[in-house]
Amino acid sequence: MSKVPLTARGAEALRQELKRLKTQRPEISAAIATARAHGDLRENAEYHAAKDQQGLAEARIRDIEAKLGNAQIIEIDKLNASGRVVFGSTVHLANLDDDKEVRYQLVGEDESDIKSGLLSIASPIARALVGKQAGDVVEVVTPSGTQSYEITAVEYI
């Protein structure tokens, strides 16, 4: 399995989610035992719901453990990318089509939240930005059409 890039904040969020899921295991087991006590399991919706919940939780636990086991944690404040856009950097963009300014931090897929300004490194915009620097103009093909952006600043915060 290849390395999964994560910011330190993203790795900590995954660790917290893992801890929460593992502490829920006894509750899920208790729900299964309670539902099992109600009788016939073939028509017991509570039992099937609890088993589904257990399966989803265990799958997510395995997924998080695999990601953390293969994580390459990037300490953003220690980057020296000579002003270039790299994983973890915060990029200020000016949309040349409508003059709107946006700010994104390039993060791993699990950390991305566009509403919070956290842009997945796998997104079309991020892929177009990587390696560029302040003053560069990039064109990004998006589902809504081609967008032109000027990089106004690159930060490592």
Protein backbone atom coordinates (compact mmCIF):
# COMPACT_ATOMS: atom_id res chain seq x y z
CA MET A 1 0.00 0.00 0.00
CA SER A 2 1.33 3.45 -0.85
CA LYS A 3 1.98 6.19 1.68
CA VAL A 4 -1.01 8.32 2.65
CA PRO A 5 -0.06 12.00 3.03
CA LEU A 6 -1.60 13.62 6.10
CA THR A 7 -1.11 16.84 7.96
CA ALA A 8 -0.39 16.50 11.67
CA ARG A 9 -3.88 17.88 12.35
CA GLY A 10 -5.46 15.31 10.01
CA ALA A 11 -3.56 12.42 11.61
CA GLU A 12 -4.72 13.55 15.05
CA ALA A 13 -8.34 13.74 13.85
CA LEU A 14 -8.08 10.15 12.56
CA ARG A 15 -6.60 9.00 15.88
CA GLN A 16 -9.50 10.64 17.74
CA GLU A 17 -12.06 9.00 15.45
CA LEU A 18 -10.34 5.63 15.94
CA LYS A 19 -10.43 6.05 19.72
CA ARG A 20 -14.14 6.97 19.59
CA LEU A 21 -15.00 3.97 17.42
CA LYS A 22 -13.09 1.57 19.66
CA THR A 23 -14.85 2.87 22.77
CA GLN A 24 -18.21 2.27 21.04
CA ARG A 25 -17.51 -1.45 20.63
CA PRO A 26 -18.97 -2.46 24.04
CA GLU A 27 -22.10 -0.40 23.39
CA ILE A 28 -22.64 -2.08 20.03
CA SER A 29 -22.06 -5.53 21.53
CA ALA A 30 -24.58 -4.74 24.28
CA ALA A 31 -27.13 -3.63 21.66
CA ILE A 32 -26.63 -6.92 19.79
CA ALA A 33 -27.06 -8.92 23.01
CA THR A 34 -30.23 -7.02 23.92
CA ALA A 35 -31.70 -7.52 20.46
CA ARG A 36 -30.72 -11.21 20.49
CA ALA A 37 -32.67 -11.64 23.75
CA HIS A 38 -35.86 -10.56 21.98
CA GLY A 39 -36.15 -13.88 20.20
CA ASP A 40 -36.29 -14.90 16.54
CA LEU A 41 -33.30 -13.31 14.80
CA ARG A 42 -34.67 -13.70 11.28
CA GLU A 43 -37.30 -11.01 11.79
CA ASN A 44 -35.53 -8.94 14.42
CA ALA A 45 -34.86 -5.48 12.94
CA GLU A 46 -32.99 -4.27 16.04
CA TYR A 47 -30.57 -7.18 15.79
CA HIS A 48 -29.89 -6.60 12.10
CA ALA A 49 -29.43 -2.85 12.64
CA ALA A 50 -26.97 -3.47 15.49
CA LYS A 51 -25.03 -6.02 13.40
CA ASP A 52 -24.90 -3.54 10.49
CA GLN A 53 -23.63 -0.83 12.85
CA GLN A 54 -20.98 -3.23 14.15
CA GLY A 55 -19.87 -4.09 10.61
CA LEU A 56 -19.61 -0.44 9.58
CA ALA A 57 -17.67 0.48 12.72
CA GLU A 58 -15.22 -2.41 12.30
CA ALA A 59 -14.68 -1.58 8.63
CA ARG A 60 -13.96 2.07 9.49
CA ILE A 61 -11.57 0.98 12.27
CA ARG A 62 -9.63 -1.18 9.80
CA ASP A 63 -9.60 1.67 7.26
CA ILE A 64 -8.28 4.21 9.77
CA GLU A 65 -5.67 1.80 11.13
CA ALA A 66 -4.43 1.12 7.60
CA LYS A 67 -4.23 4.82 6.80
CA LEU A 68 -2.40 5.65 10.01
CA GLY A 69 -0.08 2.69 9.48
CA ASN A 70 0.84 3.98 6.03
CA ALA A 71 0.71 7.68 6.88
CA GLN A 72 3.35 10.10 5.82
CA ILE A 73 2.77 12.96 8.23
CA ILE A 74 3.80 16.30 6.79
CA GLU A 75 4.75 19.04 9.24
CA ILE A 76 3.70 22.10 7.30
CA ASP A 77 5.51 24.69 9.40
CA LYS A 78 8.82 22.92 8.69
CA LEU A 79 8.41 22.86 4.91
CA ASN A 80 10.95 24.64 2.77
CA ALA A 81 9.44 24.57 -0.69
CA SER A 82 10.93 27.86 -1.88
CA GLY A 83 7.52 29.48 -2.36
CA ARG A 84 6.10 26.62 -4.42
CA VAL A 85 2.69 25.06 -3.85
CA VAL A 86 3.11 21.66 -2.19
CA PHE A 87 1.05 19.36 0.01
CA GLY A 88 0.09 21.22 3.17
CA SER A 89 0.66 24.71 1.84
CA THR A 90 -2.02 27.38 2.01
CA VAL A 91 -2.69 29.02 -1.33
CA HIS A 92 -4.40 32.36 -1.94
CA LEU A 93 -6.09 32.51 -5.33
CA ALA A 94 -7.77 35.25 -7.31
CA ASN A 95 -10.37 34.01 -9.78
CA LEU A 96 -9.61 35.92 -12.97
CA ASP A 97 -13.13 35.36 -14.30
CA ASP A 98 -15.10 36.94 -11.44
CA ASP A 99 -12.41 38.61 -9.26
CA LYS A 100 -13.33 36.52 -6.20
CA GLU A 101 -10.52 35.59 -3.86
CA VAL A 102 -10.30 32.23 -2.13
CA ARG A 103 -7.85 30.54 0.19
CA TYR A 104 -7.23 26.79 0.31
CA GLN A 105 -4.92 24.51 2.21
CA LEU A 106 -3.92 21.40 0.26
CA VAL A 107 -4.57 18.38 2.49
CA GLY A 108 -5.12 14.62 2.28
CA GLU A 109 -8.37 13.15 1.03
CA ASP A 110 -9.62 12.29 4.53
CA GLU A 111 -9.05 15.83 5.74
CA SER A 112 -10.67 17.69 2.87
CA ASP A 113 -13.59 20.00 3.58
CA ILE A 114 -14.07 22.59 0.86
CA LYS A 115 -16.36 24.72 3.05
CA SER A 116 -13.52 25.05 5.57
CA GLY A 117 -10.95 25.80 2.88
CA LEU A 118 -9.35 22.35 3.06
CA LEU A 119 -8.80 21.14 -0.50
CA SER A 120 -7.99 17.51 -1.30
CA ILE A 121 -4.60 17.06 -2.93
CA ALA A 122 -6.35 14.77 -5.44
CA SER A 123 -8.78 17.47 -6.63
CA PRO A 124 -8.40 19.02 -10.08
CA ILE A 125 -7.63 22.45 -8.63
CA ALA A 126 -4.94 21.10 -6.29
CA ARG A 127 -3.32 19.05 -9.05
CA ALA A 128 -3.15 22.18 -11.22
CA LEU A 129 -1.61 24.23 -8.40
CA VAL A 130 1.14 21.85 -7.24
CA GLY A 131 4.56 23.11 -8.21
CA LYS A 132 3.39 26.62 -9.07
CA GLN A 133 4.26 29.77 -7.12
CA ALA A 134 2.89 33.25 -6.40
CA GLY A 135 2.26 35.21 -9.60
CA ASP A 136 1.56 32.12 -11.72
CA VAL A 137 -1.75 31.81 -13.55
CA VAL A 138 -3.34 28.36 -13.71
CA GLU A 139 -6.28 27.11 -15.70
CA VAL A 140 -8.38 24.43 -14.11
CA VAL A 141 -10.95 22.31 -15.88
CA THR A 142 -13.85 21.85 -13.48
CA PRO A 143 -17.32 20.36 -13.94
CA SER A 144 -18.65 23.91 -14.33
CA GLY A 145 -16.09 24.79 -17.01
CA THR A 146 -12.56 26.10 -17.23
CA GLN A 147 -11.56 28.51 -14.46
CA SER A 148 -8.50 30.78 -14.47
CA TYR A 149 -6.78 31.60 -11.18
CA GLU A 150 -3.80 33.70 -10.26
CA ILE A 151 -1.82 32.55 -7.25
CA THR A 152 -1.48 35.65 -5.07
CA ALA A 153 0.34 34.04 -2.11
CA VAL A 154 1.67 30.72 -0.85
CA GLU A 155 2.02 30.13 2.90
CA TYR A 156 3.30 27.27 5.03
CA ILE A 157 1.19 27.61 8.17
